[in-house]
Amino acid sequence: MIDALIEAAEHGKEVAVLMELKARFDEESNIGWARMLEHAGVHVVYGVAGLKTHCKIIMVVRQEGEGIRRYIHLSTGNYNAVTSLIYEDIGMFTCDEAIGRGRHQPVQLSDRLFHQPGL
């Protein structure tokens, strides 16, 4: 997932990530990934101190025809190939406009409220 986000940013796409640095046994990895993402030009938002972020949302917004289309993946999973063999998660992929509009607003709000550039 990290490689795909970096590749998108390197190809001129606007990429934003809300990343919680504190995670059970994964803090060092998360800090390293956040630095890699920032170095590639990804806009990284670090969440809120004291608030656990455990949802996963990927949204791709594309210009298609006369308007934009939002492709959304909502998941309880962590996109980790190793732990995905241990845990069961649920995910949904959709381009439903009502769902897309509803997911876009929290991403924009969290960006404005909680952006902390740099580590």
Protein backbone atom coordinates (compact mmCIF):
# COMPACT_ATOMS: atom_id res chain seq x y z
CA MET A 1 0.00 0.00 0.00
CA ILE A 2 2.78 2.45 0.90
CA ASP A 3 4.51 1.83 -2.44
CA ALA A 4 1.28 2.53 -4.35
CA LEU A 5 0.73 5.81 -2.47
CA ILE A 6 4.32 6.90 -3.13
CA GLU A 7 4.04 5.98 -6.81
CA ALA A 8 0.83 8.00 -7.14
CA ALA A 9 2.49 11.05 -5.55
CA GLU A 10 5.55 10.67 -7.79
CA HIS A 11 3.22 10.69 -10.82
CA GLY A 12 1.77 14.04 -9.81
CA LYS A 13 -1.33 12.81 -8.00
CA GLU A 14 -2.45 14.57 -4.83
CA VAL A 15 -2.16 12.02 -2.03
CA ALA A 16 -3.16 12.55 1.62
CA VAL A 17 -2.79 10.04 4.43
CA LEU A 18 -4.08 10.11 7.99
CA MET A 19 -1.59 7.96 9.89
CA GLU A 20 -1.63 7.10 13.54
CA LEU A 21 1.98 6.69 14.62
CA LYS A 22 1.20 4.79 17.79
CA ALA A 23 0.26 1.21 17.03
CA ARG A 24 0.82 -1.99 18.92
CA PHE A 25 4.41 -3.07 18.17
CA ASP A 26 4.53 -1.01 14.96
CA GLU A 27 5.56 2.51 16.03
CA GLU A 28 9.01 2.36 14.39
CA SER A 29 7.57 1.06 11.14
CA ASN A 30 4.86 3.71 11.10
CA ILE A 31 7.38 6.52 11.68
CA GLY A 32 9.56 5.17 8.86
CA TRP A 33 6.60 4.89 6.49
CA ALA A 34 5.42 8.40 7.37
CA ARG A 35 8.88 9.80 6.56
CA MET A 36 8.99 7.90 3.25
CA LEU A 37 5.53 9.21 2.33
CA GLU A 38 6.44 12.80 3.19
CA HIS A 39 9.68 12.55 1.24
CA ALA A 40 7.68 11.45 -1.82
CA GLY A 41 5.37 14.46 -1.49
CA VAL A 42 2.45 12.77 0.25
CA HIS A 43 0.52 15.03 2.64
CA VAL A 44 0.66 13.17 5.98
CA VAL A 45 -1.70 14.01 8.85
CA TYR A 46 -0.76 12.43 12.19
CA GLY A 47 -4.12 12.05 13.89
CA VAL A 48 -5.08 13.26 17.33
CA ALA A 49 -3.10 12.63 20.53
CA GLY A 50 -5.09 10.36 22.81
CA LEU A 51 -7.58 9.33 20.12
CA LYS A 52 -7.21 5.86 18.60
CA THR A 53 -7.69 5.75 14.83
CA HIS A 54 -8.58 2.26 13.70
CA CYS A 55 -10.58 2.65 10.50
CA LYS A 56 -9.04 2.40 7.08
CA ILE A 57 -10.35 4.47 4.20
CA ILE A 58 -8.85 4.76 0.77
CA MET A 59 -10.45 7.26 -1.56
CA VAL A 60 -9.45 7.89 -5.15
CA VAL A 61 -11.01 10.98 -6.70
CA ARG A 62 -10.92 11.15 -10.50
CA GLN A 63 -12.13 13.58 -13.11
CA GLU A 64 -14.43 11.53 -15.34
CA GLY A 65 -16.45 13.12 -18.10
CA GLU A 66 -18.24 16.23 -16.83
CA GLY A 67 -17.63 15.64 -13.12
CA ILE A 68 -15.66 13.81 -10.49
CA ARG A 69 -16.05 10.25 -9.29
CA ARG A 70 -14.96 8.98 -5.89
CA TYR A 71 -13.86 5.37 -5.47
CA ILE A 72 -13.90 4.32 -1.82
CA HIS A 73 -12.53 1.33 0.07
CA LEU A 74 -13.66 1.11 3.71
CA SER A 75 -12.05 -1.52 5.88
CA THR A 76 -11.39 -2.73 9.39
CA GLY A 77 -8.16 -4.29 8.12
CA ASN A 78 -4.70 -2.82 8.22
CA TYR A 79 -3.48 -3.68 4.69
CA ASN A 80 -0.66 -5.76 6.17
CA ALA A 81 0.08 -8.95 4.21
CA VAL A 82 1.42 -10.79 7.27
CA THR A 83 -1.31 -10.02 9.82
CA SER A 84 -4.03 -10.47 7.21
CA LEU A 85 -3.30 -14.20 7.47
CA ILE A 86 -4.09 -14.10 11.21
CA TYR A 87 -7.04 -11.68 11.54
CA GLU A 88 -10.35 -11.53 9.77
CA ASP A 89 -11.47 -8.15 8.56
CA ILE A 90 -14.29 -6.76 6.50
CA GLY A 91 -14.04 -4.33 3.61
CA MET A 92 -16.31 -2.62 1.12
CA PHE A 93 -15.39 -1.08 -2.26
CA THR A 94 -17.84 1.34 -3.84
CA CYS A 95 -18.19 4.36 -6.09
CA ASP A 96 -21.61 5.29 -4.71
CA GLU A 97 -21.76 9.11 -4.80
CA ALA A 98 -23.56 9.51 -1.46
CA ILE A 99 -20.97 7.40 0.31
CA GLY A 100 -18.13 9.22 -1.47
CA ARG A 101 -19.37 12.65 -0.45
CA GLY A 102 -19.78 11.47 3.13
CA ARG A 103 -16.20 10.12 3.28
CA HIS A 104 -14.59 13.16 1.67
CA GLN A 105 -15.73 15.57 4.39
CA PRO A 106 -14.00 13.88 7.39
CA VAL A 107 -10.74 13.64 5.44
CA GLN A 108 -10.82 17.35 4.66
CA LEU A 109 -11.85 18.26 8.22
CA SER A 110 -9.13 16.14 9.86
CA ASP A 111 -6.59 17.72 7.54
CA ARG A 112 -7.56 21.24 8.59
CA LEU A 113 -7.84 20.49 12.31
CA PHE A 114 -5.00 18.10 12.99
CA HIS A 115 -2.22 18.63 10.45
CA GLN A 116 1.16 18.63 12.17
CA PRO A 117 3.90 18.91 9.53
CA GLY A 118 7.08 16.94 10.15
CA LEU A 119 7.81 14.44 12.86
